[in-house]
Amino acid sequence: MVKPYNNSLQFNSCGFAGLVLIGSLLLMSCSQTVKHVDAPLASSNLSTASALVSDLEQQLLKDPNNPELHYKLGYAYIAQAEKSKSAADRKQAIREFRNVLKLVPGNENTLTALYNIYYDDVVKGDNKALEKAKTIFNQLSSQARENLNPPSLAYFLQRYIAQKDAREKNPNELFDALLSATREQPASDKAYIQLAKMYRTQGYYPLAIATLKNAEGNQVQSRALYQNLAETYEERAEAGGCTYEKSDSLYRAATYYQKAIPLATDKPDMHYQLAQMFMDNNHYQLALNEIAIVLELAPTAENYGWAAQSYSLLGREQKAFELLDKAKQQGLATSDMAYHEIYMNAGNWMQAALSFTEYLQAQPQISIYDAIKADILRDQTELDFTKVTSGKKINVRNEWEGAVYAYWTNKINRQQFEKTARNRCERTEYYFYSGYRDYRAGNTQAAKQLFKAALQQNTYRFIERPLASLFLERD
């Protein structure tokens, strides 16, 4: 009954748009930016853009070797192309920028403008533009390249879009493009992070970590890089089915969250994750410090509820109830899981039952753990939840949950149940539910041995832990 992590992977598709002239800045997608250049303002309509082109061409007839006029005319053609969607206007813009380079070889603003055009052409499917983009990119200074996406990243975007539209999968093609991008721009985190995310989606966690560490070895230092390293280690721990079996990965995840946080101190999500890592590594006070920071940065009802549950799991009942009151004041729904679980951990069974009723009423379907909670609360209060649960589908998410429910409903015996428990997470539940069955049957000594065994698994965010402690304290 531990709350799941929220580590869903999202593929970043931002930035598939073309060139957009905004004031005096040329932007390539949402991450492709260039330094300030002295370009004319974008025209409000096609006729105005055409008038600007005409005016600049007339000026060039009088002063044909003026690089500034060619430069402005290049941008004017871009503005016109944006309105007219004309390939001819786009080619003319390239000619004008080439004219600037003849007059002022190596001018970085002009090279950057040309590079952005070719980058956009690659994204749109023009593979001939890829070599042109690479040639221009290599002519730029390292400082200028820092503000641009590498050429092969444009090719990656193109192939990703094409595969998505065709509903085809060729990950090797995407891997190759991203590997090329890391070689083109080894001091930027973008391609490394995207490549690592792809490895993660394939379950190649060692490769994902090696990729990110390669960036770290190239002196890349960014919040995004460290956060992705932390998330990759955390996800690798989860992939085995029980994070507590991978304490080394959890420790490394915590280390990288600690590196990321100083680069974005106002991000509560990383403090939240770091608190979870500290909790799982038995560093309770450090976890509580991070919880306090989360509440300072984002004092929401949900965060107060989560903080209250964390204190409850540690047996800090007074603080847990204080935080639960604040959560309620902030608007936490009375049907939230935090209420009944905190009351259960404290042995306040009647209040837990009332909150659990509201929780059940809000659920379209229930988990096997909800069904078990209903039985435990019925035992402790003699309240019947049948009217609330009848008609609701019981969601069994995996083989282990199926085994838990089968044991609880007498479909399998204890020996069969024990054989299915393969890790600390599953053994925690095996020991607790077996112990509770003995406790309910009056076999107190046998129950206490099993409750102690549940605690010894050190699965710190399982509600079975505080419940085992609670029943151990009883005679």
Protein backbone atom coordinates (compact mmCIF):
# COMPACT_ATOMS: atom_id res chain seq x y z
CA MET A 1 0.00 0.00 0.00
CA VAL A 2 2.92 2.30 -0.66
CA LYS A 3 2.24 5.36 -2.79
CA PRO A 4 3.73 4.98 -6.28
CA TYR A 5 6.41 7.26 -7.62
CA ASN A 6 5.45 9.71 -10.33
CA ASN A 7 8.23 9.24 -12.88
CA SER A 8 6.35 9.00 -16.14
CA LEU A 9 8.61 9.62 -19.09
CA GLN A 10 7.58 12.26 -21.56
CA PHE A 11 9.12 12.69 -24.97
CA ASN A 12 9.86 16.37 -25.62
CA SER A 13 8.31 17.22 -28.99
CA CYS A 14 8.55 20.97 -28.46
CA GLY A 15 10.25 22.93 -31.19
CA PHE A 16 8.95 21.48 -34.45
CA ALA A 17 7.88 24.90 -35.68
CA GLY A 18 9.87 26.84 -38.24
CA LEU A 19 11.63 30.15 -38.03
CA VAL A 20 9.64 32.90 -36.40
CA LEU A 21 10.84 36.48 -36.43
CA ILE A 22 9.88 38.21 -33.17
CA GLY A 23 11.13 41.75 -32.91
CA SER A 24 14.88 41.52 -33.39
CA LEU A 25 15.26 37.88 -32.23
CA LEU A 26 15.24 34.83 -34.44
CA LEU A 27 13.95 31.78 -32.55
CA MET A 28 14.38 28.19 -33.66
CA SER A 29 11.83 25.97 -31.90
CA CYS A 30 11.41 26.33 -28.14
CA SER A 31 15.03 25.51 -27.33
CA GLN A 32 16.87 26.88 -30.37
CA THR A 33 17.91 30.43 -29.49
CA VAL A 34 20.41 32.87 -30.93
CA LYS A 35 22.01 35.98 -29.56
CA HIS A 36 20.61 39.41 -30.27
CA VAL A 37 21.03 40.50 -33.87
CA ASP A 38 20.24 43.81 -35.46
CA ALA A 39 17.42 42.64 -37.73
CA PRO A 40 14.36 44.55 -38.92
CA LEU A 41 11.05 44.03 -37.15
CA ALA A 42 8.72 41.37 -38.50
CA SER A 43 6.10 42.83 -40.81
CA SER A 44 2.50 42.75 -39.69
CA ASN A 45 1.26 41.58 -43.10
CA LEU A 46 2.50 40.44 -46.50
CA SER A 47 2.09 43.82 -48.20
CA THR A 48 4.15 45.54 -45.51
CA ALA A 49 6.83 42.85 -45.79
CA SER A 50 6.94 43.27 -49.55
CA ALA A 51 7.23 47.03 -49.18
CA LEU A 52 10.21 46.59 -46.85
CA VAL A 53 11.89 44.25 -49.36
CA SER A 54 11.35 46.79 -52.15
CA ASP A 55 12.70 49.65 -50.10
CA LEU A 56 15.88 47.75 -49.16
CA GLU A 57 16.45 46.63 -52.76
CA GLN A 58 16.23 50.26 -53.90
CA GLN A 59 18.77 51.25 -51.26
CA LEU A 60 21.12 48.48 -52.45
CA LEU A 61 20.99 49.79 -56.03
CA LYS A 62 22.65 52.95 -54.70
CA ASP A 63 24.97 51.17 -52.24
CA PRO A 64 25.49 47.56 -53.45
CA ASN A 65 28.47 46.81 -51.20
CA ASN A 66 26.77 47.73 -47.94
CA PRO A 67 26.74 44.52 -45.83
CA GLU A 68 24.23 45.94 -43.38
CA LEU A 69 21.68 46.46 -46.16
CA HIS A 70 22.17 42.90 -47.43
CA TYR A 71 21.80 41.62 -43.88
CA LYS A 72 18.54 43.53 -43.33
CA LEU A 73 17.26 42.42 -46.71
CA GLY A 74 17.95 38.78 -45.79
CA TYR A 75 15.76 39.14 -42.72
CA ALA A 76 13.14 41.01 -44.72
CA TYR A 77 12.94 38.05 -47.12
CA ILE A 78 12.56 35.71 -44.13
CA ALA A 79 9.66 37.84 -42.87
CA GLN A 80 8.12 37.77 -46.34
CA ALA A 81 8.61 34.00 -46.59
CA GLU A 82 6.84 33.53 -43.28
CA LYS A 83 3.83 35.34 -44.69
CA SER A 84 3.89 34.00 -48.24
CA LYS A 85 5.24 30.49 -47.52
CA SER A 86 7.38 31.06 -50.60
CA ALA A 87 10.43 28.87 -51.19
CA ALA A 88 11.76 31.55 -53.55
CA ASP A 89 11.74 34.14 -50.76
CA ARG A 90 13.57 31.72 -48.53
CA LYS A 91 16.25 31.12 -51.17
CA GLN A 92 16.59 34.85 -51.70
CA ALA A 93 17.19 35.30 -47.96
CA ILE A 94 20.01 32.77 -48.19
CA ARG A 95 21.53 34.65 -51.16
CA GLU A 96 21.49 37.92 -49.24
CA PHE A 97 23.16 36.37 -46.20
CA ARG A 98 25.76 34.83 -48.53
CA ASN A 99 26.37 38.30 -49.96
CA VAL A 100 27.07 39.58 -46.44
CA LEU A 101 29.66 36.83 -45.94
CA LYS A 102 31.39 37.79 -49.19
CA LEU A 103 31.70 41.34 -47.92
CA VAL A 104 32.35 40.45 -44.26
CA PRO A 105 33.74 36.88 -44.12
CA GLY A 106 33.07 34.99 -40.93
CA ASN A 107 30.42 37.38 -39.57
CA GLU A 108 28.83 35.32 -36.77
CA ASN A 109 25.40 36.94 -36.78
CA THR A 110 25.07 36.12 -40.47
CA LEU A 111 26.41 32.60 -40.05
CA THR A 112 23.90 32.08 -37.26
CA ALA A 113 21.05 33.30 -39.43
CA LEU A 114 22.06 30.91 -42.21
CA TYR A 115 22.45 28.05 -39.75
CA ASN A 116 18.94 28.57 -38.41
CA ILE A 117 17.50 28.42 -41.93
CA TYR A 118 19.30 25.16 -42.71
CA TYR A 119 18.41 23.70 -39.29
CA ASP A 120 14.75 24.43 -39.94
CA ASP A 121 15.00 22.90 -43.44
CA VAL A 122 16.40 19.68 -41.94
CA VAL A 123 13.57 19.45 -39.42
CA LYS A 124 11.09 19.88 -42.29
CA GLY A 125 12.66 16.98 -44.20
CA ASP A 126 15.37 18.49 -46.43
CA ASN A 127 18.32 16.16 -45.82
CA LYS A 128 20.50 18.08 -48.29
CA ALA A 129 20.46 20.95 -45.80
CA LEU A 130 22.07 18.76 -43.13
CA GLU A 131 25.60 18.99 -44.53
CA LYS A 132 25.17 22.72 -45.12
CA ALA A 133 24.10 23.14 -41.51
CA LYS A 134 27.08 21.13 -40.29
CA THR A 135 29.47 23.23 -42.39
CA ILE A 136 28.07 26.48 -40.98
CA PHE A 137 27.99 25.09 -37.42
CA ASN A 138 31.69 24.22 -37.59
CA GLN A 139 32.53 27.76 -38.67
CA LEU A 140 30.92 29.27 -35.58
CA SER A 141 32.83 30.01 -32.40
CA SER A 142 32.30 27.71 -29.42
CA GLN A 143 30.52 30.57 -27.66
CA ALA A 144 28.05 30.95 -30.55
CA ARG A 145 27.48 27.17 -30.74
CA GLU A 146 26.53 27.08 -27.07
CA ASN A 147 23.32 28.95 -27.91
CA LEU A 148 22.31 26.66 -30.76
CA ASN A 149 21.11 23.11 -31.11
CA PRO A 150 23.59 20.90 -33.01
CA PRO A 151 22.74 19.92 -36.63
CA SER A 152 22.11 16.25 -35.90
CA LEU A 153 19.47 17.20 -33.36
CA ALA A 154 17.47 18.66 -36.26
CA TYR A 155 17.81 15.32 -38.05
CA PHE A 156 16.68 13.50 -34.90
CA LEU A 157 13.58 15.70 -34.73
CA GLN A 158 12.86 15.05 -38.41
CA ARG A 159 13.14 11.29 -38.05
CA TYR A 160 11.19 11.24 -34.80
CA ILE A 161 8.31 13.13 -36.43
CA ALA A 162 8.44 10.92 -39.52
CA GLN A 163 8.41 7.70 -37.49
CA LYS A 164 5.59 8.98 -35.33
CA ASP A 165 3.49 9.99 -38.35
CA ALA A 166 4.14 6.67 -40.10
CA ARG A 167 3.62 4.72 -36.87
CA GLU A 168 6.96 3.05 -37.44
CA LYS A 169 9.75 2.35 -34.97
CA ASN A 170 13.41 2.48 -35.84
CA PRO A 171 15.15 3.41 -32.59
CA ASN A 172 18.62 2.79 -34.01
CA GLU A 173 18.12 5.63 -36.48
CA LEU A 174 17.23 7.95 -33.60
CA PHE A 175 20.07 6.69 -31.42
CA ASP A 176 22.58 7.36 -34.22
CA ALA A 177 21.31 10.91 -34.73
CA LEU A 178 21.55 11.71 -31.04
CA LEU A 179 25.01 10.18 -30.73
CA SER A 180 26.13 12.42 -33.61
CA ALA A 181 24.60 15.41 -31.82
CA THR A 182 26.60 14.67 -28.65
CA ARG A 183 29.80 14.62 -30.71
CA GLU A 184 28.90 17.88 -32.43
CA GLN A 185 28.13 19.65 -29.18
CA PRO A 186 29.80 17.76 -26.30
CA ALA A 187 29.45 20.66 -23.87
CA SER A 188 25.63 20.87 -24.09
CA ASP A 189 23.20 18.70 -22.14
CA LYS A 190 20.31 18.53 -24.65
CA ALA A 191 21.35 15.60 -26.85
CA TYR A 192 22.74 13.59 -23.91
CA ILE A 193 19.49 13.97 -22.00
CA GLN A 194 17.31 13.02 -24.96
CA LEU A 195 19.52 10.01 -25.73
CA ALA A 196 19.39 8.88 -22.10
CA LYS A 197 15.59 9.20 -22.09
CA MET A 198 15.42 6.96 -25.13
CA TYR A 199 17.63 4.38 -23.44
CA ARG A 200 15.36 4.55 -20.40
CA THR A 201 12.25 3.87 -22.48
CA GLN A 202 14.03 0.75 -23.80
CA GLY A 203 15.01 -0.29 -20.27
CA TYR A 204 18.73 0.24 -20.96
CA TYR A 205 19.49 1.90 -17.64
CA PRO A 206 23.28 1.30 -17.62
CA LEU A 207 23.51 2.93 -21.07
CA ALA A 208 21.32 5.85 -19.96
CA ILE A 209 23.51 6.43 -16.91
CA ALA A 210 26.73 6.09 -18.93
CA THR A 211 25.43 8.64 -21.45
CA LEU A 212 24.63 11.20 -18.77
CA LYS A 213 27.90 10.56 -16.98
CA ASN A 214 29.71 11.14 -20.28
CA ALA A 215 28.16 14.61 -20.34
CA GLU A 216 29.20 15.12 -16.73
CA GLY A 217 32.74 14.07 -17.69
CA ASN A 218 32.69 16.73 -20.42
CA GLN A 219 32.16 19.34 -17.69
CA VAL A 220 28.45 19.78 -18.47
CA GLN A 221 26.87 21.13 -15.30
CA SER A 222 23.15 21.81 -15.45
CA ARG A 223 20.08 21.24 -13.36
CA ALA A 224 18.52 19.19 -16.16
CA LEU A 225 21.53 16.88 -16.41
CA TYR A 226 21.73 16.21 -12.67
CA GLN A 227 17.97 15.81 -12.36
CA ASN A 228 17.92 13.30 -15.21
CA LEU A 229 20.75 11.35 -13.59
CA ALA A 230 18.81 11.27 -10.33
CA GLU A 231 15.60 10.19 -12.05
CA THR A 232 17.43 7.49 -14.03
CA TYR A 233 18.95 5.97 -10.89
CA GLU A 234 15.56 6.17 -9.17
CA GLU A 235 13.80 4.55 -12.10
CA ARG A 236 16.42 1.81 -12.28
CA ALA A 237 15.69 1.02 -8.63
CA GLU A 238 11.96 0.84 -9.38
CA ALA A 239 12.44 -1.36 -12.45
CA GLY A 240 13.39 -4.32 -10.27
CA GLY A 241 9.97 -4.26 -8.62
CA CYS A 242 11.18 -3.10 -5.21
CA THR A 243 13.23 0.07 -4.82
CA TYR A 244 14.52 -1.01 -1.42
CA GLU A 245 16.46 -3.84 -3.05
CA LYS A 246 18.55 -1.19 -4.85
CA SER A 247 19.79 0.98 -2.00
CA ASP A 248 22.90 1.97 -3.96
CA SER A 249 20.75 3.40 -6.78
CA LEU A 250 18.61 5.28 -4.27
CA TYR A 251 21.74 6.71 -2.66
CA ARG A 252 23.07 7.86 -6.04
CA ALA A 253 19.68 9.35 -6.92
CA ALA A 254 19.77 11.37 -3.70
CA THR A 255 23.32 12.53 -4.49
CA TYR A 256 22.32 13.89 -7.89
CA TYR A 257 19.17 15.55 -6.59
CA GLN A 258 21.47 17.33 -4.13
CA LYS A 259 23.63 18.48 -7.06
CA ALA A 260 20.61 19.67 -9.06
CA ILE A 261 18.88 21.61 -6.30
CA PRO A 262 21.45 24.45 -5.94
CA LEU A 263 20.98 25.16 -9.67
CA ALA A 264 17.22 25.60 -9.20
CA THR A 265 16.52 26.25 -5.53
CA ASP A 266 12.90 27.25 -6.17
CA LYS A 267 11.86 23.86 -7.61
CA PRO A 268 9.81 21.99 -4.96
CA ASP A 269 9.58 18.81 -7.06
CA MET A 270 13.26 17.99 -6.56
CA HIS A 271 13.06 18.60 -2.81
CA TYR A 272 10.04 16.27 -2.83
CA GLN A 273 11.99 13.52 -4.60
CA LEU A 274 15.03 14.04 -2.37
CA ALA A 275 12.81 13.68 0.71
CA GLN A 276 11.59 10.34 -0.65
CA MET A 277 15.16 9.17 -1.27
CA PHE A 278 16.23 10.15 2.24
CA MET A 279 13.20 8.38 3.69
CA ASP A 280 14.00 5.22 1.76
CA ASN A 281 17.62 5.32 2.93
CA ASN A 282 16.61 5.68 6.58
CA HIS A 283 17.85 9.29 6.81
CA TYR A 284 14.71 10.50 8.53
CA GLN A 285 15.84 13.89 9.75
CA LEU A 286 17.24 14.81 6.34
CA ALA A 287 13.92 13.75 4.82
CA LEU A 288 11.99 15.94 7.25
CA ASN A 289 14.24 18.89 6.42
CA GLU A 290 13.40 18.48 2.73
CA ILE A 291 9.69 18.16 3.54
CA ALA A 292 9.87 21.51 5.34
CA ILE A 293 11.45 23.08 2.26
CA VAL A 294 8.71 21.67 0.01
CA LEU A 295 6.05 23.21 2.25
CA GLU A 296 7.88 26.54 2.25
CA LEU A 297 8.13 26.60 -1.56
CA ALA A 298 4.72 25.09 -2.34
CA PRO A 299 2.32 25.10 0.65
CA THR A 300 -0.47 23.33 -1.22
CA ALA A 301 -3.15 21.09 0.25
CA GLU A 302 -1.65 18.04 -1.47
CA ASN A 303 1.85 18.76 -0.17
CA TYR A 304 0.58 19.23 3.38
CA GLY A 305 -1.27 15.93 3.06
CA TRP A 306 1.87 14.17 1.81
CA ALA A 307 3.93 15.72 4.61
CA ALA A 308 1.36 14.57 7.17
CA GLN A 309 1.53 11.02 5.82
CA SER A 310 5.34 11.08 5.97
CA TYR A 311 5.30 12.08 9.65
CA SER A 312 2.63 9.47 10.30
CA LEU A 313 4.79 6.73 8.77
CA LEU A 314 7.55 7.73 11.18
CA GLY A 315 5.22 7.55 14.17
CA ARG A 316 5.21 11.35 14.70
CA GLU A 317 1.47 11.45 15.30
CA GLN A 318 1.13 14.94 16.81
CA LYS A 319 2.99 16.58 13.92
CA ALA A 320 1.11 14.42 11.43
CA PHE A 321 -2.25 15.66 12.73
CA GLU A 322 -1.04 19.29 12.77
CA LEU A 323 -0.08 19.03 9.12
CA LEU A 324 -3.31 17.19 8.27
CA ASP A 325 -5.29 20.09 9.78
CA LYS A 326 -3.33 22.53 7.60
CA ALA A 327 -4.01 20.35 4.57
CA LYS A 328 -7.71 20.44 5.35
CA GLN A 329 -7.60 24.24 5.81
CA GLN A 330 -5.93 24.50 2.40
CA GLY A 331 -8.76 22.51 0.86
CA LEU A 332 -7.58 18.88 0.86
CA ALA A 333 -10.61 16.78 -0.04
CA THR A 334 -11.95 14.75 2.88
CA SER A 335 -11.90 11.76 0.52
CA ASP A 336 -8.10 11.95 0.21
CA MET A 337 -6.21 8.80 1.23
CA ALA A 338 -4.08 10.77 3.71
CA TYR A 339 -6.95 11.07 6.22
CA HIS A 340 -7.82 7.43 6.77
CA GLU A 341 -4.23 6.17 6.57
CA ILE A 342 -3.01 8.65 9.20
CA TYR A 343 -5.93 7.74 11.46
CA MET A 344 -5.22 4.03 10.93
CA ASN A 345 -1.53 4.46 11.78
CA ALA A 346 -2.52 6.19 15.01
CA GLY A 347 -5.06 3.50 15.92
CA ASN A 348 -7.96 5.97 15.69
CA TRP A 349 -10.14 3.35 14.06
CA MET A 350 -13.55 5.00 14.13
CA GLN A 351 -12.27 8.24 12.60
CA ALA A 352 -10.32 6.17 10.07
CA ALA A 353 -13.48 4.27 9.15
CA LEU A 354 -15.46 7.49 8.59
CA SER A 355 -12.71 8.97 6.40
CA PHE A 356 -12.31 5.67 4.57
CA THR A 357 -16.03 5.68 3.75
CA GLU A 358 -15.67 9.08 2.06
CA TYR A 359 -12.57 7.84 0.25
CA LEU A 360 -14.39 4.74 -1.05
CA GLN A 361 -17.36 6.77 -2.24
CA ALA A 362 -15.04 8.87 -4.41
CA GLN A 363 -13.38 5.86 -6.10
CA PRO A 364 -14.76 4.54 -9.42
CA GLN A 365 -12.94 1.28 -8.66
CA ILE A 366 -10.97 0.00 -5.69
CA SER A 367 -7.60 -1.67 -5.24
CA ILE A 368 -7.02 -4.96 -3.50
CA TYR A 369 -5.50 -2.94 -0.64
CA ASP A 370 -8.72 -0.95 -0.33
CA ALA A 371 -10.61 -4.23 0.02
CA ILE A 372 -8.19 -5.38 2.72
CA LYS A 373 -8.43 -2.05 4.57
CA ALA A 374 -12.21 -2.44 4.57
CA ASP A 375 -11.85 -5.82 6.31
CA ILE A 376 -9.34 -4.52 8.87
CA LEU A 377 -11.48 -1.47 9.67
CA ARG A 378 -14.56 -3.68 9.96
CA ASP A 379 -12.67 -5.88 12.44
CA GLN A 380 -11.69 -2.85 14.53
CA THR A 381 -15.00 -0.93 14.41
CA GLU A 382 -17.67 -3.48 13.43
CA LEU A 383 -18.71 -1.11 10.63
CA ASP A 384 -19.71 -2.81 7.37
CA PHE A 385 -18.46 -1.25 4.10
CA THR A 386 -20.33 -3.65 1.83
CA LYS A 387 -22.85 -1.03 0.70
CA VAL A 388 -20.02 1.30 -0.35
CA THR A 389 -17.89 -1.33 -2.09
CA SER A 390 -20.61 -3.37 -3.78
CA GLY A 391 -20.61 -2.93 -7.53
CA LYS A 392 -17.10 -1.44 -7.60
CA LYS A 393 -14.55 -3.31 -9.67
CA ILE A 394 -11.45 -4.50 -7.79
CA ASN A 395 -8.35 -3.53 -9.75
CA VAL A 396 -5.55 -6.11 -9.61
CA ARG A 397 -2.48 -4.48 -11.17
CA ASN A 398 0.04 -7.32 -11.20
CA GLU A 399 0.77 -10.92 -10.24
CA TRP A 400 1.85 -10.04 -6.71
CA GLU A 401 -1.36 -8.16 -5.96
CA GLY A 402 -3.25 -11.14 -7.30
CA ALA A 403 -1.41 -13.36 -4.83
CA VAL A 404 -2.09 -10.98 -1.91
CA TYR A 405 -5.80 -10.91 -2.67
CA ALA A 406 -5.95 -14.66 -3.26
CA TYR A 407 -4.40 -15.27 0.16
CA TRP A 408 -6.63 -12.72 1.86
CA THR A 409 -9.75 -14.33 0.38
CA ASN A 410 -8.57 -17.90 1.13
CA LYS A 411 -7.93 -18.86 -2.50
CA ILE A 412 -4.35 -19.92 -1.67
CA ASN A 413 -2.75 -21.01 1.61
CA ARG A 414 0.08 -19.35 3.52
CA GLN A 415 2.79 -21.59 2.11
CA GLN A 416 1.74 -20.77 -1.44
CA PHE A 417 1.60 -17.09 -0.56
CA GLU A 418 5.09 -17.18 0.95
CA LYS A 419 6.57 -18.74 -2.20
CA THR A 420 5.39 -15.79 -4.31
CA ALA A 421 7.16 -13.18 -2.09
CA ARG A 422 10.43 -12.53 -3.95
CA ASN A 423 11.73 -9.25 -2.54
CA ARG A 424 11.63 -7.00 0.53
CA CYS A 425 8.55 -5.13 -0.63
CA GLU A 426 6.57 -8.30 -1.14
CA ARG A 427 7.93 -9.88 2.05
CA THR A 428 6.79 -6.82 4.02
CA GLU A 429 3.25 -7.46 2.89
CA TYR A 430 3.53 -11.22 3.28
CA TYR A 431 4.67 -10.91 6.90
CA PHE A 432 2.12 -8.24 7.80
CA TYR A 433 -0.95 -9.89 6.25
CA SER A 434 0.03 -13.31 7.56
CA GLY A 435 0.63 -11.75 10.97
CA TYR A 436 -2.72 -9.99 10.91
CA ARG A 437 -4.49 -13.25 10.09
CA ASP A 438 -2.80 -14.84 13.13
CA TYR A 439 -3.64 -11.78 15.23
CA ARG A 440 -7.29 -11.95 14.22
CA ALA A 441 -7.34 -15.67 15.05
CA GLY A 442 -5.94 -15.01 18.51
CA ASN A 443 -2.46 -16.41 17.82
CA THR A 444 -0.77 -13.39 19.40
CA GLN A 445 2.78 -14.73 19.73
CA ALA A 446 2.90 -15.99 16.14
CA ALA A 447 1.45 -12.66 14.97
CA LYS A 448 4.10 -10.64 16.83
CA GLN A 449 6.92 -12.64 15.24
CA LEU A 450 5.52 -11.91 11.80
CA PHE A 451 4.94 -8.22 12.58
CA LYS A 452 8.58 -7.95 13.72
CA ALA A 453 9.68 -9.61 10.49
CA ALA A 454 7.66 -7.05 8.51
CA LEU A 455 9.47 -4.20 10.31
CA GLN A 456 12.86 -5.78 9.63
CA GLN A 457 12.36 -5.39 5.87
CA ASN A 458 12.93 -1.62 6.30
CA THR A 459 10.46 -0.63 3.61
CA TYR A 460 9.96 2.81 5.06
CA ARG A 461 7.03 4.11 3.03
CA PHE A 462 4.77 1.05 3.37
CA ILE A 463 1.72 1.59 5.57
CA GLU A 464 2.19 -2.00 6.72
CA ARG A 465 5.17 -0.83 8.81
CA PRO A 466 3.33 1.55 11.17
CA LEU A 467 0.39 -0.85 11.32
CA ALA A 468 2.74 -3.67 12.34
CA SER A 469 4.17 -1.41 15.06
CA LEU A 470 0.68 -0.54 16.23
CA PHE A 471 -0.40 -4.16 16.66
CA LEU A 472 2.93 -5.08 18.28
CA GLU A 473 2.23 -2.53 21.04
CA ARG A 474 -1.02 -4.28 21.93
CA ASP A 475 -1.15 -7.11 24.44
